[in-house]
Amino acid sequence: VIITSPDQCDTICANIVREFDGMITDYYDPEDVKKGHIVSVNRQEEEVRFPIMSISVAIINTRQREISNPIQLGEIAAELKHYAKSRPGSVCISEKRQNGYKPGPGETIIRSPGNN
């Protein structure tokens, strides 16, 4: 959790994504990085492919939307996390809904170079 001013959110998020994507491949075999995934065997002895790890960051602007309690904040964060995980690669998702308006979550997707 990072608490900051709204004007700093995108910069902080872009830095998190860039730093994460810049270092995560150091933990993988170069051949796996080249393929974009690792191959493993699950508990059922089935071969499974897993993509190179990515990071998802959710931004909730409490100046834009009134939060009445910590449970509501957690629920919004869970929705954004679910949406972010449906996107490929490392992403930053911003909460765009305002009080009284309930479309699906809006998004600001910030990708690091090379993860487009």
N, C-alpha and C. Protein backbone atom coordinates (compact mmCIF):
# COMPACT_ATOMS: atom_id res chain seq x y z
N VAL A 1 0.85 -1.17 0.00
CA VAL A 1 0.00 0.00 0.00
C VAL A 1 0.89 1.23 0.00
N ILE A 2 0.58 2.15 -0.89
CA ILE A 2 1.27 3.43 -0.96
C ILE A 2 0.21 4.51 -0.87
N ILE A 3 0.39 5.45 0.02
CA ILE A 3 -0.52 6.58 0.11
C ILE A 3 0.24 7.79 -0.42
N THR A 4 -0.35 8.42 -1.44
CA THR A 4 0.32 9.56 -2.08
C THR A 4 -0.72 10.51 -2.65
N SER A 5 -0.27 11.61 -3.20
CA SER A 5 -1.18 12.55 -3.84
C SER A 5 -1.51 12.07 -5.25
N PRO A 6 -2.70 12.41 -5.74
CA PRO A 6 -3.11 11.94 -7.07
C PRO A 6 -2.14 12.33 -8.19
N ASP A 7 -1.48 13.48 -8.08
CA ASP A 7 -0.58 13.90 -9.15
C ASP A 7 0.69 13.06 -9.23
N GLN A 8 0.96 12.26 -8.21
CA GLN A 8 2.14 11.40 -8.20
C GLN A 8 1.85 9.95 -8.58
N CYS A 9 0.58 9.56 -8.64
CA CYS A 9 0.20 8.16 -8.84
C CYS A 9 0.78 7.53 -10.10
N ASP A 10 0.58 8.18 -11.24
CA ASP A 10 1.04 7.59 -12.50
C ASP A 10 2.55 7.44 -12.54
N THR A 11 3.27 8.43 -12.01
CA THR A 11 4.73 8.35 -11.99
C THR A 11 5.20 7.21 -11.10
N ILE A 12 4.63 7.11 -9.92
CA ILE A 12 5.01 6.04 -8.99
C ILE A 12 4.69 4.68 -9.61
N CYS A 13 3.51 4.56 -10.19
CA CYS A 13 3.10 3.29 -10.80
C CYS A 13 4.04 2.92 -11.95
N ALA A 14 4.34 3.87 -12.80
CA ALA A 14 5.24 3.60 -13.94
C ALA A 14 6.60 3.15 -13.45
N ASN A 15 7.09 3.77 -12.37
CA ASN A 15 8.38 3.38 -11.80
C ASN A 15 8.35 1.97 -11.23
N ILE A 16 7.28 1.62 -10.54
CA ILE A 16 7.13 0.27 -9.98
C ILE A 16 7.15 -0.77 -11.10
N VAL A 17 6.35 -0.54 -12.12
CA VAL A 17 6.27 -1.47 -13.25
C VAL A 17 7.62 -1.59 -13.96
N ARG A 18 8.25 -0.46 -14.23
CA ARG A 18 9.54 -0.46 -14.92
C ARG A 18 10.61 -1.21 -14.10
N GLU A 19 10.69 -0.91 -12.81
CA GLU A 19 11.68 -1.56 -11.95
C GLU A 19 11.42 -3.07 -11.85
N PHE A 20 10.17 -3.45 -11.67
CA PHE A 20 9.84 -4.86 -11.56
C PHE A 20 10.18 -5.60 -12.85
N ASP A 21 9.70 -5.07 -13.97
CA ASP A 21 9.96 -5.74 -15.25
C ASP A 21 11.44 -5.74 -15.60
N GLY A 22 12.18 -4.75 -15.12
CA GLY A 22 13.60 -4.69 -15.39
C GLY A 22 14.42 -5.70 -14.62
N MET A 23 13.89 -6.18 -13.49
CA MET A 23 14.67 -7.11 -12.68
C MET A 23 14.12 -8.53 -12.65
N ILE A 24 12.86 -8.73 -12.97
CA ILE A 24 12.26 -10.06 -12.78
C ILE A 24 12.92 -11.13 -13.67
N THR A 25 13.34 -10.76 -14.85
CA THR A 25 13.95 -11.76 -15.74
C THR A 25 15.30 -12.26 -15.23
N ASP A 26 15.90 -11.54 -14.28
CA ASP A 26 17.16 -12.00 -13.67
C ASP A 26 16.95 -13.31 -12.90
N TYR A 27 15.73 -13.61 -12.54
CA TYR A 27 15.42 -14.80 -11.75
C TYR A 27 15.02 -16.00 -12.61
N TYR A 28 15.07 -15.83 -13.91
CA TYR A 28 14.69 -16.89 -14.85
C TYR A 28 15.88 -17.32 -15.70
N ASP A 29 15.80 -18.53 -16.19
CA ASP A 29 16.77 -19.02 -17.16
C ASP A 29 16.60 -18.20 -18.45
N PRO A 30 17.69 -17.78 -19.08
CA PRO A 30 17.58 -16.98 -20.31
C PRO A 30 16.72 -17.63 -21.40
N GLU A 31 16.77 -18.95 -21.51
CA GLU A 31 15.94 -19.64 -22.52
C GLU A 31 14.45 -19.49 -22.20
N ASP A 32 14.09 -19.54 -20.92
CA ASP A 32 12.70 -19.36 -20.52
C ASP A 32 12.23 -17.93 -20.80
N VAL A 33 13.12 -16.97 -20.55
CA VAL A 33 12.79 -15.57 -20.84
C VAL A 33 12.54 -15.41 -22.33
N LYS A 34 13.38 -16.02 -23.14
CA LYS A 34 13.25 -15.94 -24.60
C LYS A 34 11.91 -16.53 -25.06
N LYS A 35 11.50 -17.65 -24.43
CA LYS A 35 10.22 -18.29 -24.75
C LYS A 35 9.03 -17.52 -24.18
N GLY A 36 9.28 -16.75 -23.10
CA GLY A 36 8.21 -15.99 -22.47
C GLY A 36 7.43 -16.78 -21.42
N HIS A 37 7.93 -17.97 -21.07
CA HIS A 37 7.25 -18.79 -20.07
C HIS A 37 8.19 -19.86 -19.53
N ILE A 38 7.76 -20.47 -18.43
CA ILE A 38 8.45 -21.65 -17.91
C ILE A 38 7.52 -22.83 -18.07
N VAL A 39 8.07 -24.02 -18.06
CA VAL A 39 7.27 -25.24 -18.14
C VAL A 39 7.50 -25.99 -16.83
N SER A 40 6.41 -26.42 -16.22
CA SER A 40 6.49 -27.15 -14.96
C SER A 40 5.47 -28.28 -14.98
N VAL A 41 5.52 -29.11 -13.97
CA VAL A 41 4.58 -30.22 -13.84
C VAL A 41 3.73 -29.96 -12.60
N ASN A 42 2.40 -30.04 -12.75
CA ASN A 42 1.53 -29.81 -11.60
C ASN A 42 1.34 -31.08 -10.78
N ARG A 43 0.50 -31.04 -9.77
CA ARG A 43 0.28 -32.17 -8.87
C ARG A 43 -0.35 -33.37 -9.56
N GLN A 44 -1.00 -33.12 -10.67
CA GLN A 44 -1.61 -34.20 -11.44
C GLN A 44 -0.65 -34.76 -12.48
N GLU A 45 0.62 -34.36 -12.36
CA GLU A 45 1.67 -34.80 -13.27
C GLU A 45 1.44 -34.32 -14.70
N GLU A 46 0.74 -33.19 -14.85
CA GLU A 46 0.49 -32.61 -16.16
C GLU A 46 1.48 -31.46 -16.40
N GLU A 47 1.98 -31.37 -17.61
CA GLU A 47 2.88 -30.28 -17.97
C GLU A 47 2.08 -28.99 -18.14
N VAL A 48 2.53 -27.93 -17.50
CA VAL A 48 1.83 -26.65 -17.51
C VAL A 48 2.82 -25.54 -17.84
N ARG A 49 2.37 -24.57 -18.64
CA ARG A 49 3.19 -23.40 -18.97
C ARG A 49 2.73 -22.23 -18.11
N PHE A 50 3.71 -21.53 -17.54
CA PHE A 50 3.44 -20.34 -16.75
C PHE A 50 4.19 -19.17 -17.36
N PRO A 51 3.51 -18.03 -17.59
CA PRO A 51 4.20 -16.88 -18.17
C PRO A 51 5.23 -16.31 -17.19
N ILE A 52 6.16 -15.55 -17.74
CA ILE A 52 7.12 -14.84 -16.90
C ILE A 52 6.29 -13.94 -15.95
N MET A 53 6.70 -13.90 -14.69
CA MET A 53 5.95 -13.17 -13.68
C MET A 53 5.80 -11.70 -14.05
N SER A 54 4.65 -11.14 -13.71
CA SER A 54 4.38 -9.73 -13.95
C SER A 54 3.81 -9.13 -12.66
N ILE A 55 3.61 -7.83 -12.67
CA ILE A 55 3.05 -7.16 -11.49
C ILE A 55 1.82 -6.36 -11.92
N SER A 56 0.83 -6.33 -11.04
CA SER A 56 -0.37 -5.54 -11.27
C SER A 56 -0.52 -4.56 -10.11
N VAL A 57 -0.73 -3.28 -10.45
CA VAL A 57 -0.86 -2.23 -9.44
C VAL A 57 -2.22 -1.58 -9.62
N ALA A 58 -2.94 -1.41 -8.50
CA ALA A 58 -4.26 -0.76 -8.54
C ALA A 58 -4.16 0.60 -7.87
N ILE A 59 -4.77 1.61 -8.50
CA ILE A 59 -4.81 2.96 -7.94
C ILE A 59 -6.26 3.29 -7.61
N ILE A 60 -6.49 3.67 -6.37
CA ILE A 60 -7.82 4.10 -5.94
C ILE A 60 -7.68 5.54 -5.44
N ASN A 61 -8.37 6.46 -6.11
CA ASN A 61 -8.31 7.87 -5.77
C ASN A 61 -9.47 8.19 -4.83
N THR A 62 -9.17 8.38 -3.55
CA THR A 62 -10.23 8.64 -2.57
C THR A 62 -10.74 10.07 -2.63
N ARG A 63 -10.09 10.92 -3.41
CA ARG A 63 -10.63 12.27 -3.63
C ARG A 63 -11.72 12.25 -4.70
N GLN A 64 -11.66 11.25 -5.55
CA GLN A 64 -12.60 11.12 -6.66
C GLN A 64 -13.85 10.33 -6.23
N ARG A 65 -13.68 9.47 -5.25
CA ARG A 65 -14.77 8.60 -4.83
C ARG A 65 -14.72 8.45 -3.32
N GLU A 66 -15.83 8.72 -2.67
CA GLU A 66 -15.88 8.63 -1.21
C GLU A 66 -15.82 7.16 -0.78
N ILE A 67 -14.95 6.87 0.14
CA ILE A 67 -14.82 5.53 0.70
C ILE A 67 -15.37 5.59 2.12
N SER A 68 -16.38 4.77 2.41
CA SER A 68 -17.03 4.86 3.72
C SER A 68 -16.38 3.99 4.79
N ASN A 69 -15.63 2.94 4.38
CA ASN A 69 -15.00 2.08 5.38
C ASN A 69 -13.90 1.24 4.71
N PRO A 70 -13.04 0.63 5.51
CA PRO A 70 -11.94 -0.16 4.95
C PRO A 70 -12.41 -1.37 4.13
N ILE A 71 -13.56 -1.92 4.46
CA ILE A 71 -14.07 -3.06 3.70
C ILE A 71 -14.38 -2.64 2.27
N GLN A 72 -15.00 -1.48 2.10
CA GLN A 72 -15.29 -0.97 0.76
C GLN A 72 -14.00 -0.77 -0.03
N LEU A 73 -13.00 -0.22 0.62
CA LEU A 73 -11.70 -0.02 -0.03
C LEU A 73 -11.12 -1.35 -0.49
N GLY A 74 -11.18 -2.36 0.38
CA GLY A 74 -10.69 -3.70 0.03
C GLY A 74 -11.46 -4.31 -1.12
N GLU A 75 -12.78 -4.10 -1.16
CA GLU A 75 -13.59 -4.64 -2.25
C GLU A 75 -13.24 -4.00 -3.59
N ILE A 76 -13.04 -2.69 -3.58
CA ILE A 76 -12.66 -1.99 -4.81
C ILE A 76 -11.28 -2.49 -5.27
N ALA A 77 -10.36 -2.60 -4.33
CA ALA A 77 -9.02 -3.10 -4.67
C ALA A 77 -9.09 -4.50 -5.25
N ALA A 78 -9.94 -5.36 -4.70
CA ALA A 78 -10.09 -6.73 -5.21
C ALA A 78 -10.64 -6.73 -6.63
N GLU A 79 -11.62 -5.86 -6.91
CA GLU A 79 -12.18 -5.76 -8.27
C GLU A 79 -11.10 -5.32 -9.26
N LEU A 80 -10.35 -4.30 -8.88
CA LEU A 80 -9.29 -3.81 -9.76
C LEU A 80 -8.21 -4.85 -9.97
N LYS A 81 -7.86 -5.56 -8.91
CA LYS A 81 -6.85 -6.62 -9.03
C LYS A 81 -7.33 -7.69 -10.00
N HIS A 82 -8.58 -8.10 -9.87
CA HIS A 82 -9.14 -9.11 -10.76
C HIS A 82 -9.07 -8.63 -12.22
N TYR A 83 -9.45 -7.38 -12.45
CA TYR A 83 -9.40 -6.82 -13.80
C TYR A 83 -7.96 -6.75 -14.30
N ALA A 84 -7.05 -6.28 -13.45
CA ALA A 84 -5.64 -6.16 -13.84
C ALA A 84 -5.06 -7.51 -14.21
N LYS A 85 -5.39 -8.54 -13.47
CA LYS A 85 -4.85 -9.88 -13.73
C LYS A 85 -5.37 -10.45 -15.05
N SER A 86 -6.45 -9.90 -15.58
CA SER A 86 -6.98 -10.38 -16.87
C SER A 86 -6.20 -9.77 -18.05
N ARG A 87 -5.36 -8.79 -17.76
CA ARG A 87 -4.57 -8.13 -18.79
C ARG A 87 -3.19 -8.79 -18.88
N PRO A 88 -2.62 -8.88 -20.06
CA PRO A 88 -1.28 -9.48 -20.16
C PRO A 88 -0.18 -8.54 -19.67
N GLY A 89 0.86 -9.10 -19.10
CA GLY A 89 2.01 -8.31 -18.68
C GLY A 89 1.77 -7.50 -17.43
N SER A 90 2.74 -6.68 -17.09
CA SER A 90 2.65 -5.81 -15.92
C SER A 90 1.79 -4.60 -16.27
N VAL A 91 0.86 -4.27 -15.38
CA VAL A 91 -0.06 -3.17 -15.64
C VAL A 91 -0.33 -2.36 -14.38
N CYS A 92 -0.80 -1.15 -14.60
CA CYS A 92 -1.28 -0.27 -13.54
C CYS A 92 -2.71 0.11 -13.91
N ILE A 93 -3.63 -0.19 -13.02
CA ILE A 93 -5.05 0.07 -13.28
C ILE A 93 -5.53 1.15 -12.32
N SER A 94 -6.21 2.17 -12.85
CA SER A 94 -6.75 3.26 -12.03
C SER A 94 -8.25 3.12 -11.89
N GLU A 95 -8.75 3.34 -10.69
CA GLU A 95 -10.18 3.38 -10.41
C GLU A 95 -10.73 4.67 -11.01
N LYS A 96 -11.69 4.55 -11.92
CA LYS A 96 -12.24 5.74 -12.59
C LYS A 96 -13.68 6.03 -12.16
N ARG A 97 -14.30 5.09 -11.46
CA ARG A 97 -15.69 5.31 -11.06
C ARG A 97 -15.78 6.42 -10.03
N GLN A 98 -16.90 7.12 -10.07
CA GLN A 98 -17.15 8.17 -9.08
C GLN A 98 -18.45 7.83 -8.36
N ASN A 99 -18.73 8.50 -7.26
CA ASN A 99 -19.95 8.24 -6.50
C ASN A 99 -21.17 8.28 -7.40
N GLY A 100 -22.01 7.26 -7.30
CA GLY A 100 -23.25 7.20 -8.06
C GLY A 100 -23.10 6.69 -9.48
N TYR A 101 -21.91 6.47 -9.96
CA TYR A 101 -21.68 6.01 -11.34
C TYR A 101 -20.96 4.69 -11.27
N LYS A 102 -21.56 3.62 -11.84
CA LYS A 102 -21.00 2.29 -11.65
C LYS A 102 -20.78 1.50 -12.94
N PRO A 103 -19.97 1.99 -13.88
CA PRO A 103 -19.60 1.14 -15.01
C PRO A 103 -18.49 0.19 -14.57
N GLY A 104 -18.00 -0.66 -15.46
CA GLY A 104 -16.84 -1.47 -15.14
C GLY A 104 -15.65 -0.56 -14.86
N PRO A 105 -14.62 -1.08 -14.21
CA PRO A 105 -13.49 -0.22 -13.87
C PRO A 105 -12.84 0.40 -15.10
N GLY A 106 -12.56 1.68 -15.00
CA GLY A 106 -11.79 2.34 -16.06
C GLY A 106 -10.35 1.90 -15.91
N GLU A 107 -9.53 2.27 -16.86
CA GLU A 107 -8.16 1.80 -16.75
C GLU A 107 -7.18 2.82 -17.29
N THR A 108 -6.05 2.85 -16.68
CA THR A 108 -4.88 3.51 -17.21
C THR A 108 -3.83 2.42 -17.21
N ILE A 109 -3.44 1.94 -18.36
CA ILE A 109 -2.48 0.86 -18.42
C ILE A 109 -1.12 1.44 -18.73
N ILE A 110 -0.20 1.20 -17.82
CA ILE A 110 1.17 1.66 -18.00
C ILE A 110 2.03 0.43 -18.16
N ARG A 111 2.66 0.29 -19.29
CA ARG A 111 3.51 -0.87 -19.55
C ARG A 111 4.95 -0.42 -19.60
N SER A 112 5.80 -1.31 -19.17
CA SER A 112 7.21 -0.99 -19.29
C SER A 112 7.66 -1.25 -20.72
N PRO A 113 8.72 -0.59 -21.17
CA PRO A 113 9.22 -0.84 -22.53
C PRO A 113 9.56 -2.32 -22.70
N GLY A 114 9.18 -2.89 -23.82
CA GLY A 114 9.47 -4.29 -24.08
C GLY A 114 8.40 -5.23 -23.55
N ASN A 115 7.36 -4.70 -22.89
CA ASN A 115 6.28 -5.54 -22.38
C ASN A 115 4.96 -5.03 -22.94
N ASN A 116 4.95 -4.67 -24.21
CA ASN A 116 3.75 -4.16 -24.85
C ASN A 116 2.94 -5.24 -25.51
